[in-house]
Amino acid sequence: MNGDYCTREGAERIKKKIEEYWSDRGRDVHVDLVQGGFLASMRSARTDIRSNMINGVPVASEENYA
């Protein structure tokens, strides 16, 4: 299923898109995939995406101010 982003494969596609998007703009973003537990409402396990961004924007690093 192409639109299922809660699976490990879907989460990996999103991770790659996020990293490529910000890399193309000269920003270094770290994205991690975290295996979540089983959810009865989804009837499956899920994979969460975590990053070092705040509100979807990369955190300013000291090298950006050099």
N, C-alpha and C. Protein backbone atom coordinates (compact mmCIF):
# COMPACT_ATOMS: atom_id res chain seq x y z
N MET A 1 0.85 -1.18 0.00
CA MET A 1 0.00 0.00 0.00
C MET A 1 0.90 1.24 0.00
N ASN A 2 0.79 2.07 -0.99
CA ASN A 2 1.65 3.24 -1.16
C ASN A 2 1.38 4.35 -0.16
N GLY A 3 0.15 4.56 0.24
CA GLY A 3 -0.19 5.67 1.12
C GLY A 3 -0.12 5.33 2.60
N ASP A 4 0.32 4.12 2.94
CA ASP A 4 0.38 3.72 4.33
C ASP A 4 1.73 4.12 4.91
N TYR A 5 1.75 5.19 5.67
CA TYR A 5 2.99 5.71 6.22
C TYR A 5 3.22 5.25 7.66
N CYS A 6 2.37 4.41 8.19
CA CYS A 6 2.55 3.91 9.55
C CYS A 6 3.38 2.63 9.58
N THR A 7 3.58 2.01 8.44
CA THR A 7 4.42 0.82 8.37
C THR A 7 5.89 1.22 8.37
N ARG A 8 6.76 0.29 8.61
CA ARG A 8 8.20 0.57 8.59
C ARG A 8 8.62 1.09 7.22
N GLU A 9 8.13 0.47 6.15
CA GLU A 9 8.48 0.90 4.80
C GLU A 9 7.99 2.31 4.51
N GLY A 10 6.77 2.61 4.93
CA GLY A 10 6.22 3.95 4.72
C GLY A 10 6.99 5.00 5.51
N ALA A 11 7.34 4.66 6.74
CA ALA A 11 8.10 5.58 7.57
C ALA A 11 9.49 5.82 6.97
N GLU A 12 10.09 4.80 6.41
CA GLU A 12 11.40 4.97 5.76
C GLU A 12 11.30 5.89 4.55
N ARG A 13 10.18 5.82 3.81
CA ARG A 13 9.98 6.73 2.67
C ARG A 13 9.87 8.18 3.14
N ILE A 14 9.14 8.41 4.22
CA ILE A 14 9.00 9.76 4.76
C ILE A 14 10.34 10.26 5.28
N LYS A 15 11.06 9.42 5.99
CA LYS A 15 12.38 9.79 6.53
C LYS A 15 13.29 10.26 5.40
N LYS A 16 13.32 9.50 4.32
CA LYS A 16 14.16 9.84 3.17
C LYS A 16 13.73 11.18 2.55
N LYS A 17 12.43 11.38 2.40
CA LYS A 17 11.92 12.63 1.82
C LYS A 17 12.29 13.84 2.68
N ILE A 18 12.14 13.70 3.99
CA ILE A 18 12.46 14.81 4.90
C ILE A 18 13.94 15.14 4.82
N GLU A 19 14.79 14.12 4.91
CA GLU A 19 16.23 14.34 4.88
C GLU A 19 16.67 14.94 3.55
N GLU A 20 16.13 14.45 2.43
CA GLU A 20 16.49 14.99 1.12
C GLU A 20 16.02 16.43 0.96
N TYR A 21 14.81 16.72 1.42
CA TYR A 21 14.25 18.07 1.30
C TYR A 21 15.17 19.08 1.98
N TRP A 22 15.54 18.81 3.22
CA TRP A 22 16.36 19.76 3.96
C TRP A 22 17.81 19.76 3.49
N SER A 23 18.30 18.62 3.04
CA SER A 23 19.67 18.56 2.50
C SER A 23 19.79 19.43 1.25
N ASP A 24 18.77 19.41 0.41
CA ASP A 24 18.76 20.25 -0.80
C ASP A 24 18.79 21.74 -0.45
N ARG A 25 18.40 22.07 0.77
CA ARG A 25 18.38 23.46 1.22
C ARG A 25 19.55 23.77 2.14
N GLY A 26 20.53 22.85 2.19
CA GLY A 26 21.74 23.08 2.95
C GLY A 26 21.61 22.89 4.45
N ARG A 27 20.59 22.18 4.88
CA ARG A 27 20.37 21.98 6.32
C ARG A 27 20.57 20.51 6.66
N ASP A 28 21.12 20.26 7.83
CA ASP A 28 21.36 18.90 8.31
C ASP A 28 20.27 18.55 9.31
N VAL A 29 19.44 17.59 8.96
CA VAL A 29 18.34 17.15 9.81
C VAL A 29 18.54 15.68 10.15
N HIS A 30 18.37 15.34 11.41
CA HIS A 30 18.49 13.95 11.85
C HIS A 30 17.10 13.39 12.09
N VAL A 31 16.76 12.32 11.38
CA VAL A 31 15.45 11.68 11.51
C VAL A 31 15.68 10.24 11.97
N ASP A 32 14.97 9.85 13.02
CA ASP A 32 15.05 8.50 13.55
C ASP A 32 13.69 7.82 13.42
N LEU A 33 13.72 6.51 13.21
CA LEU A 33 12.50 5.72 13.20
C LEU A 33 12.44 4.92 14.49
N VAL A 34 11.29 4.98 15.16
CA VAL A 34 11.10 4.31 16.44
C VAL A 34 9.93 3.35 16.30
N GLN A 35 10.20 2.08 16.57
CA GLN A 35 9.14 1.08 16.48
C GLN A 35 8.17 1.28 17.63
N GLY A 36 6.91 1.57 17.29
CA GLY A 36 5.87 1.75 18.30
C GLY A 36 5.20 0.42 18.59
N GLY A 37 4.40 0.41 19.61
CA GLY A 37 3.71 -0.81 19.99
C GLY A 37 2.45 -1.05 19.18
N PHE A 38 1.79 -2.14 19.47
CA PHE A 38 0.54 -2.50 18.81
C PHE A 38 -0.56 -1.56 19.27
N LEU A 39 -1.34 -1.06 18.33
CA LEU A 39 -2.50 -0.21 18.64
C LEU A 39 -3.77 -0.93 18.21
N ALA A 40 -4.66 -1.13 19.15
CA ALA A 40 -5.91 -1.81 18.84
C ALA A 40 -6.71 -1.02 17.81
N SER A 41 -6.67 0.31 17.88
CA SER A 41 -7.45 1.14 16.95
C SER A 41 -6.97 0.99 15.51
N MET A 42 -5.67 0.73 15.33
CA MET A 42 -5.12 0.53 13.99
C MET A 42 -5.07 -0.96 13.62
N ARG A 43 -5.22 -1.79 14.61
CA ARG A 43 -5.09 -3.24 14.47
C ARG A 43 -3.73 -3.65 13.93
N SER A 44 -2.71 -2.89 14.31
CA SER A 44 -1.34 -3.21 13.89
C SER A 44 -0.36 -2.41 14.74
N ALA A 45 0.91 -2.72 14.56
CA ALA A 45 1.96 -1.93 15.18
C ALA A 45 2.24 -0.74 14.26
N ARG A 46 2.99 0.21 14.75
CA ARG A 46 3.29 1.38 13.94
C ARG A 46 4.76 1.73 14.09
N THR A 47 5.26 2.56 13.20
CA THR A 47 6.62 3.10 13.29
C THR A 47 6.50 4.60 13.37
N ASP A 48 7.07 5.19 14.42
CA ASP A 48 7.03 6.63 14.63
C ASP A 48 8.27 7.28 14.04
N ILE A 49 8.14 8.52 13.63
CA ILE A 49 9.25 9.29 13.08
C ILE A 49 9.58 10.40 14.07
N ARG A 50 10.86 10.47 14.45
CA ARG A 50 11.31 11.49 15.38
C ARG A 50 12.46 12.25 14.73
N SER A 51 12.54 13.53 14.98
CA SER A 51 13.62 14.32 14.39
C SER A 51 14.10 15.37 15.38
N ASN A 52 15.17 16.06 15.01
CA ASN A 52 15.70 17.13 15.84
C ASN A 52 15.12 18.49 15.42
N MET A 53 14.05 18.48 14.65
CA MET A 53 13.42 19.73 14.22
C MET A 53 12.44 20.22 15.28
N ILE A 54 12.14 21.50 15.23
CA ILE A 54 11.13 22.09 16.10
C ILE A 54 10.06 22.69 15.20
N ASN A 55 8.82 22.25 15.38
CA ASN A 55 7.70 22.69 14.55
C ASN A 55 7.98 22.50 13.06
N GLY A 56 8.68 21.40 12.72
CA GLY A 56 8.94 21.08 11.33
C GLY A 56 10.06 21.86 10.68
N VAL A 57 10.81 22.61 11.49
CA VAL A 57 11.91 23.43 10.97
C VAL A 57 13.21 23.01 11.65
N PRO A 58 14.29 22.86 10.89
CA PRO A 58 15.57 22.48 11.51
C PRO A 58 15.99 23.48 12.58
N VAL A 59 16.60 22.95 13.62
CA VAL A 59 17.11 23.77 14.70
C VAL A 59 18.36 24.49 14.21
N ALA A 60 18.47 25.76 14.52
CA ALA A 60 19.65 26.54 14.12
C ALA A 60 20.87 26.01 14.87
N SER A 61 21.95 25.79 14.15
CA SER A 61 23.18 25.34 14.78
C SER A 61 24.15 26.49 14.84
N GLU A 62 25.19 26.33 15.67
CA GLU A 62 26.19 27.39 15.81
C GLU A 62 26.92 27.66 14.51
N GLU A 63 27.09 26.64 13.66
CA GLU A 63 27.80 26.86 12.40
C GLU A 63 27.02 27.76 11.44
N ASN A 64 25.69 27.88 11.65
CA ASN A 64 24.89 28.78 10.82
C ASN A 64 25.18 30.24 11.15
N TYR A 65 25.79 30.48 12.33
CA TYR A 65 26.07 31.85 12.74
C TYR A 65 27.53 32.23 12.57
N ALA A 66 28.34 31.32 12.06
CA ALA A 66 29.79 31.60 11.90
C ALA A 66 30.05 32.52 10.74
